[in-house]
Amino acid sequence: MLNKTIHTTIIVITKYILPVVLLFLLAPQLVQWSPQLTQVNQFFHVHQVAFLLLHSLFYFALYWLWPRMIYVLVDRTAHDITQEQINSALTAKWYLLTALVFFEVLVSWI
């Protein structure tokens, strides 16, 4: 039992945690070395408020429209889709929003 827990912990660390930590550590260095990325970074700092407002509107729209989009797509298909599959698609909204917010924080942090 302990061996299985250690095995799972090692997989999670190498698959998820280590790449995120490396991305956080290496992203500022990569931005400093590239003049194009430095120019993009300066542009985003100048227009940061408008950029964040537009993105937050997009996130709220995605949050409110996601269930409607799923049900419209389910009604359009000719395949039999189970309630479990619909629930899985509805919970995918949280993964998508989490990923978008994570990248938003990463971009604003750099």
N, C-alpha and C. Protein backbone atom coordinates (compact mmCIF):
# COMPACT_ATOMS: atom_id res chain seq x y z
N MET A 1 0.82 -1.19 0.00
CA MET A 1 0.00 0.00 0.00
C MET A 1 0.86 1.26 0.00
N LEU A 2 1.90 1.26 0.81
CA LEU A 2 2.80 2.40 0.87
C LEU A 2 3.55 2.58 -0.45
N ASN A 3 3.92 1.46 -1.06
CA ASN A 3 4.62 1.49 -2.34
C ASN A 3 3.73 2.13 -3.42
N LYS A 4 2.43 1.80 -3.41
CA LYS A 4 1.51 2.36 -4.39
C LYS A 4 1.34 3.87 -4.17
N THR A 5 1.30 4.29 -2.91
CA THR A 5 1.17 5.71 -2.60
C THR A 5 2.41 6.47 -3.04
N ILE A 6 3.56 5.92 -2.80
CA ILE A 6 4.81 6.56 -3.23
C ILE A 6 4.86 6.64 -4.75
N HIS A 7 4.46 5.57 -5.41
CA HIS A 7 4.45 5.54 -6.87
C HIS A 7 3.52 6.62 -7.41
N THR A 8 2.33 6.76 -6.85
CA THR A 8 1.38 7.77 -7.30
C THR A 8 1.90 9.17 -7.03
N THR A 9 2.52 9.36 -5.88
CA THR A 9 3.08 10.67 -5.53
C THR A 9 4.18 11.07 -6.49
N ILE A 10 5.04 10.16 -6.84
CA ILE A 10 6.12 10.44 -7.78
C ILE A 10 5.56 10.79 -9.15
N ILE A 11 4.53 10.09 -9.59
CA ILE A 11 3.92 10.38 -10.88
C ILE A 11 3.30 11.77 -10.88
N VAL A 12 2.58 12.11 -9.82
CA VAL A 12 1.94 13.43 -9.75
C VAL A 12 2.98 14.53 -9.72
N ILE A 13 4.03 14.34 -8.96
CA ILE A 13 5.07 15.37 -8.88
C ILE A 13 5.74 15.57 -10.24
N THR A 14 6.11 14.49 -10.90
CA THR A 14 6.83 14.64 -12.17
C THR A 14 5.91 15.05 -13.31
N LYS A 15 4.63 14.71 -13.23
CA LYS A 15 3.73 14.99 -14.33
C LYS A 15 3.09 16.37 -14.24
N TYR A 16 2.81 16.83 -13.03
CA TYR A 16 2.06 18.07 -12.88
C TYR A 16 2.82 19.16 -12.15
N ILE A 17 3.36 18.86 -11.01
CA ILE A 17 3.93 19.90 -10.16
C ILE A 17 5.27 20.39 -10.70
N LEU A 18 6.15 19.51 -11.08
CA LEU A 18 7.46 19.89 -11.57
C LEU A 18 7.40 20.76 -12.83
N PRO A 19 6.59 20.44 -13.85
CA PRO A 19 6.52 21.33 -15.01
C PRO A 19 5.98 22.72 -14.68
N VAL A 20 5.02 22.81 -13.77
CA VAL A 20 4.48 24.11 -13.40
C VAL A 20 5.54 24.94 -12.69
N VAL A 21 6.27 24.32 -11.78
CA VAL A 21 7.34 25.04 -11.07
C VAL A 21 8.42 25.49 -12.04
N LEU A 22 8.81 24.61 -12.95
CA LEU A 22 9.81 25.00 -13.95
C LEU A 22 9.32 26.12 -14.85
N LEU A 23 8.05 26.08 -15.21
CA LEU A 23 7.48 27.14 -16.03
C LEU A 23 7.51 28.47 -15.30
N PHE A 24 7.16 28.46 -14.02
CA PHE A 24 7.22 29.69 -13.22
C PHE A 24 8.65 30.21 -13.08
N LEU A 25 9.60 29.32 -12.97
CA LEU A 25 10.98 29.74 -12.80
C LEU A 25 11.64 30.19 -14.10
N LEU A 26 11.31 29.55 -15.19
CA LEU A 26 11.99 29.84 -16.46
C LEU A 26 11.29 30.91 -17.30
N ALA A 27 10.02 31.14 -17.09
CA ALA A 27 9.30 32.10 -17.93
C ALA A 27 9.88 33.50 -17.88
N PRO A 28 10.21 34.05 -16.72
CA PRO A 28 10.81 35.40 -16.73
C PRO A 28 12.15 35.46 -17.46
N GLN A 29 12.94 34.41 -17.36
CA GLN A 29 14.22 34.39 -18.06
C GLN A 29 14.02 34.35 -19.57
N LEU A 30 13.06 33.59 -20.03
CA LEU A 30 12.79 33.51 -21.47
C LEU A 30 12.27 34.83 -22.01
N VAL A 31 11.48 35.53 -21.22
CA VAL A 31 10.95 36.82 -21.67
C VAL A 31 12.07 37.85 -21.76
N GLN A 32 13.01 37.83 -20.87
CA GLN A 32 14.09 38.81 -20.89
C GLN A 32 15.04 38.60 -22.06
N TRP A 33 15.17 37.39 -22.53
CA TRP A 33 16.11 37.11 -23.61
C TRP A 33 15.54 37.41 -24.98
N SER A 34 14.25 37.50 -25.10
CA SER A 34 13.64 37.70 -26.40
C SER A 34 13.14 39.15 -26.53
N PRO A 35 13.64 39.91 -27.50
CA PRO A 35 13.18 41.30 -27.64
C PRO A 35 11.71 41.39 -28.07
N GLN A 36 11.23 40.42 -28.85
CA GLN A 36 9.84 40.44 -29.26
C GLN A 36 8.91 40.22 -28.06
N LEU A 37 9.27 39.29 -27.20
CA LEU A 37 8.46 39.05 -26.01
C LEU A 37 8.54 40.22 -25.04
N THR A 38 9.66 40.89 -24.99
CA THR A 38 9.78 42.09 -24.16
C THR A 38 8.86 43.19 -24.68
N GLN A 39 8.80 43.33 -25.99
CA GLN A 39 7.92 44.33 -26.59
C GLN A 39 6.45 43.99 -26.32
N VAL A 40 6.08 42.72 -26.43
CA VAL A 40 4.71 42.30 -26.13
C VAL A 40 4.41 42.53 -24.66
N ASN A 41 5.36 42.25 -23.79
CA ASN A 41 5.18 42.46 -22.37
C ASN A 41 4.95 43.94 -22.05
N GLN A 42 5.70 44.83 -22.70
CA GLN A 42 5.49 46.27 -22.50
C GLN A 42 4.12 46.70 -22.99
N PHE A 43 3.68 46.15 -24.12
CA PHE A 43 2.35 46.47 -24.65
C PHE A 43 1.27 46.06 -23.65
N PHE A 44 1.40 44.86 -23.07
CA PHE A 44 0.39 44.40 -22.12
C PHE A 44 0.41 45.20 -20.83
N HIS A 45 1.56 45.68 -20.43
CA HIS A 45 1.61 46.51 -19.23
C HIS A 45 0.95 47.87 -19.46
N VAL A 46 1.07 48.40 -20.67
CA VAL A 46 0.42 49.67 -20.99
C VAL A 46 -1.10 49.50 -21.03
N HIS A 47 -1.56 48.41 -21.61
CA HIS A 47 -3.00 48.18 -21.79
C HIS A 47 -3.54 47.13 -20.82
N GLN A 48 -2.96 47.03 -19.66
CA GLN A 48 -3.30 45.96 -18.72
C GLN A 48 -4.74 46.03 -18.23
N VAL A 49 -5.23 47.21 -17.92
CA VAL A 49 -6.59 47.35 -17.36
C VAL A 49 -7.63 46.92 -18.39
N ALA A 50 -7.51 47.41 -19.61
CA ALA A 50 -8.46 47.04 -20.66
C ALA A 50 -8.36 45.55 -20.97
N PHE A 51 -7.15 45.04 -20.99
CA PHE A 51 -6.94 43.62 -21.25
C PHE A 51 -7.61 42.75 -20.19
N LEU A 52 -7.42 43.12 -18.92
CA LEU A 52 -8.03 42.34 -17.84
C LEU A 52 -9.55 42.46 -17.83
N LEU A 53 -10.08 43.64 -18.13
CA LEU A 53 -11.53 43.80 -18.19
C LEU A 53 -12.15 42.95 -19.30
N LEU A 54 -11.53 42.98 -20.48
CA LEU A 54 -12.06 42.17 -21.59
C LEU A 54 -11.96 40.68 -21.29
N HIS A 55 -10.86 40.28 -20.68
CA HIS A 55 -10.72 38.86 -20.35
C HIS A 55 -11.69 38.43 -19.26
N SER A 56 -11.92 39.29 -18.28
CA SER A 56 -12.89 38.92 -17.23
C SER A 56 -14.30 38.84 -17.80
N LEU A 57 -14.63 39.73 -18.74
CA LEU A 57 -15.93 39.60 -19.42
C LEU A 57 -16.03 38.29 -20.19
N PHE A 58 -14.95 37.91 -20.85
CA PHE A 58 -14.94 36.64 -21.56
C PHE A 58 -15.12 35.47 -20.61
N TYR A 59 -14.47 35.51 -19.44
CA TYR A 59 -14.58 34.43 -18.47
C TYR A 59 -15.99 34.34 -17.90
N PHE A 60 -16.60 35.49 -17.61
CA PHE A 60 -17.98 35.46 -17.12
C PHE A 60 -18.93 34.95 -18.18
N ALA A 61 -18.74 35.35 -19.43
CA ALA A 61 -19.58 34.85 -20.52
C ALA A 61 -19.41 33.34 -20.67
N LEU A 62 -18.18 32.89 -20.60
CA LEU A 62 -17.93 31.45 -20.69
C LEU A 62 -18.59 30.71 -19.53
N TYR A 63 -18.51 31.26 -18.35
CA TYR A 63 -19.12 30.64 -17.17
C TYR A 63 -20.64 30.53 -17.32
N TRP A 64 -21.27 31.59 -17.80
CA TRP A 64 -22.74 31.58 -17.90
C TRP A 64 -23.24 30.85 -19.15
N LEU A 65 -22.49 30.88 -20.23
CA LEU A 65 -22.97 30.28 -21.48
C LEU A 65 -22.57 28.82 -21.66
N TRP A 66 -21.63 28.32 -20.87
CA TRP A 66 -21.15 26.95 -21.04
C TRP A 66 -22.27 25.91 -20.97
N PRO A 67 -23.15 25.93 -19.95
CA PRO A 67 -24.22 24.91 -19.92
C PRO A 67 -25.15 25.02 -21.13
N ARG A 68 -25.45 26.24 -21.54
CA ARG A 68 -26.32 26.40 -22.71
C ARG A 68 -25.65 25.86 -23.97
N MET A 69 -24.36 26.11 -24.10
CA MET A 69 -23.63 25.59 -25.27
C MET A 69 -23.63 24.07 -25.28
N ILE A 70 -23.44 23.47 -24.11
CA ILE A 70 -23.42 22.00 -24.04
C ILE A 70 -24.77 21.43 -24.43
N TYR A 71 -25.86 22.01 -23.90
CA TYR A 71 -27.19 21.49 -24.21
C TYR A 71 -27.57 21.72 -25.67
N VAL A 72 -27.12 22.82 -26.25
CA VAL A 72 -27.37 23.06 -27.68
C VAL A 72 -26.62 22.02 -28.52
N LEU A 73 -25.37 21.76 -28.16
CA LEU A 73 -24.60 20.76 -28.91
C LEU A 73 -25.17 19.36 -28.73
N VAL A 74 -25.69 19.06 -27.55
CA VAL A 74 -26.30 17.74 -27.33
C VAL A 74 -27.57 17.61 -28.15
N ASP A 75 -28.36 18.68 -28.24
CA ASP A 75 -29.60 18.62 -29.03
C ASP A 75 -29.32 18.49 -30.52
N ARG A 76 -28.20 19.01 -30.98
CA ARG A 76 -27.88 18.96 -32.41
C ARG A 76 -27.36 17.60 -32.86
N THR A 77 -26.78 16.84 -31.95
CA THR A 77 -26.18 15.57 -32.36
C THR A 77 -27.24 14.49 -32.47
N ALA A 78 -26.96 13.56 -33.34
CA ALA A 78 -27.86 12.43 -33.54
C ALA A 78 -27.47 11.25 -32.66
N HIS A 79 -26.39 11.35 -31.93
CA HIS A 79 -25.91 10.27 -31.09
C HIS A 79 -26.62 10.29 -29.74
N ASP A 80 -26.69 9.11 -29.14
CA ASP A 80 -27.24 9.03 -27.79
C ASP A 80 -26.16 9.39 -26.80
N ILE A 81 -26.39 10.44 -26.05
CA ILE A 81 -25.43 10.91 -25.06
C ILE A 81 -26.05 10.70 -23.69
N THR A 82 -25.31 10.04 -22.83
CA THR A 82 -25.82 9.74 -21.50
C THR A 82 -25.72 10.97 -20.60
N GLN A 83 -26.46 10.92 -19.50
CA GLN A 83 -26.43 12.02 -18.55
C GLN A 83 -25.04 12.15 -17.91
N GLU A 84 -24.36 11.03 -17.75
CA GLU A 84 -23.01 11.07 -17.19
C GLU A 84 -22.06 11.83 -18.10
N GLN A 85 -22.19 11.64 -19.40
CA GLN A 85 -21.35 12.37 -20.35
C GLN A 85 -21.67 13.87 -20.34
N ILE A 86 -22.94 14.19 -20.20
CA ILE A 86 -23.34 15.60 -20.12
C ILE A 86 -22.78 16.23 -18.85
N ASN A 87 -22.87 15.52 -17.73
CA ASN A 87 -22.32 16.04 -16.48
C ASN A 87 -20.80 16.21 -16.57
N SER A 88 -20.15 15.30 -17.26
CA SER A 88 -18.70 15.42 -17.45
C SER A 88 -18.37 16.65 -18.29
N ALA A 89 -19.14 16.90 -19.31
CA ALA A 89 -18.92 18.10 -20.14
C ALA A 89 -19.20 19.37 -19.36
N LEU A 90 -20.19 19.32 -18.48
CA LEU A 90 -20.50 20.50 -17.67
C LEU A 90 -19.41 20.78 -16.64
N THR A 91 -18.79 19.74 -16.09
CA THR A 91 -17.71 19.97 -15.13
C THR A 91 -16.41 20.36 -15.82
N ALA A 92 -16.31 20.12 -17.10
CA ALA A 92 -15.11 20.53 -17.84
C ALA A 92 -14.98 22.04 -17.86
N LYS A 93 -16.08 22.73 -17.61
CA LYS A 93 -16.05 24.20 -17.55
C LYS A 93 -15.05 24.66 -16.49
N TRP A 94 -15.02 23.98 -15.36
CA TRP A 94 -14.13 24.40 -14.28
C TRP A 94 -12.66 24.19 -14.65
N TYR A 95 -12.37 23.10 -15.34
CA TYR A 95 -11.00 22.86 -15.78
C TYR A 95 -10.56 23.91 -16.80
N LEU A 96 -11.45 24.24 -17.71
CA LEU A 96 -11.14 25.24 -18.72
C LEU A 96 -10.92 26.61 -18.08
N LEU A 97 -11.81 27.00 -17.18
CA LEU A 97 -11.65 28.30 -16.52
C LEU A 97 -10.40 28.34 -15.66
N THR A 98 -10.09 27.24 -15.00
CA THR A 98 -8.87 27.18 -14.18
C THR A 98 -7.63 27.35 -15.05
N ALA A 99 -7.60 26.67 -16.18
CA ALA A 99 -6.45 26.79 -17.08
C ALA A 99 -6.33 28.21 -17.63
N LEU A 100 -7.43 28.82 -18.00
CA LEU A 100 -7.39 30.18 -18.52
C LEU A 100 -6.92 31.18 -17.47
N VAL A 101 -7.43 31.04 -16.26
CA VAL A 101 -7.02 31.94 -15.18
C VAL A 101 -5.56 31.71 -14.83
N PHE A 102 -5.12 30.46 -14.84
CA PHE A 102 -3.72 30.16 -14.56
C PHE A 102 -2.80 30.85 -15.56
N PHE A 103 -3.12 30.75 -16.84
CA PHE A 103 -2.30 31.40 -17.85
C PHE A 103 -2.40 32.92 -17.77
N GLU A 104 -3.56 33.42 -17.36
CA GLU A 104 -3.73 34.86 -17.17
C GLU A 104 -2.81 35.36 -16.05
N VAL A 105 -2.77 34.63 -14.96
CA VAL A 105 -1.91 35.00 -13.84
C VAL A 105 -0.44 34.87 -14.26
N LEU A 106 -0.13 33.85 -15.02
CA LEU A 106 1.24 33.66 -15.48
C LEU A 106 1.69 34.82 -16.36
N VAL A 107 0.83 35.26 -17.27
CA VAL A 107 1.17 36.37 -18.16
C VAL A 107 1.30 37.67 -17.37
N SER A 108 0.41 37.90 -16.41
CA SER A 108 0.49 39.15 -15.65
C SER A 108 1.65 39.13 -14.66
N TRP A 109 2.09 37.94 -14.26
CA TRP A 109 3.20 37.82 -13.32
C TRP A 109 4.54 38.13 -14.00
N ILE A 110 4.62 37.78 -15.27
CA ILE A 110 5.85 38.01 -16.02
C ILE A 110 5.94 39.45 -16.32
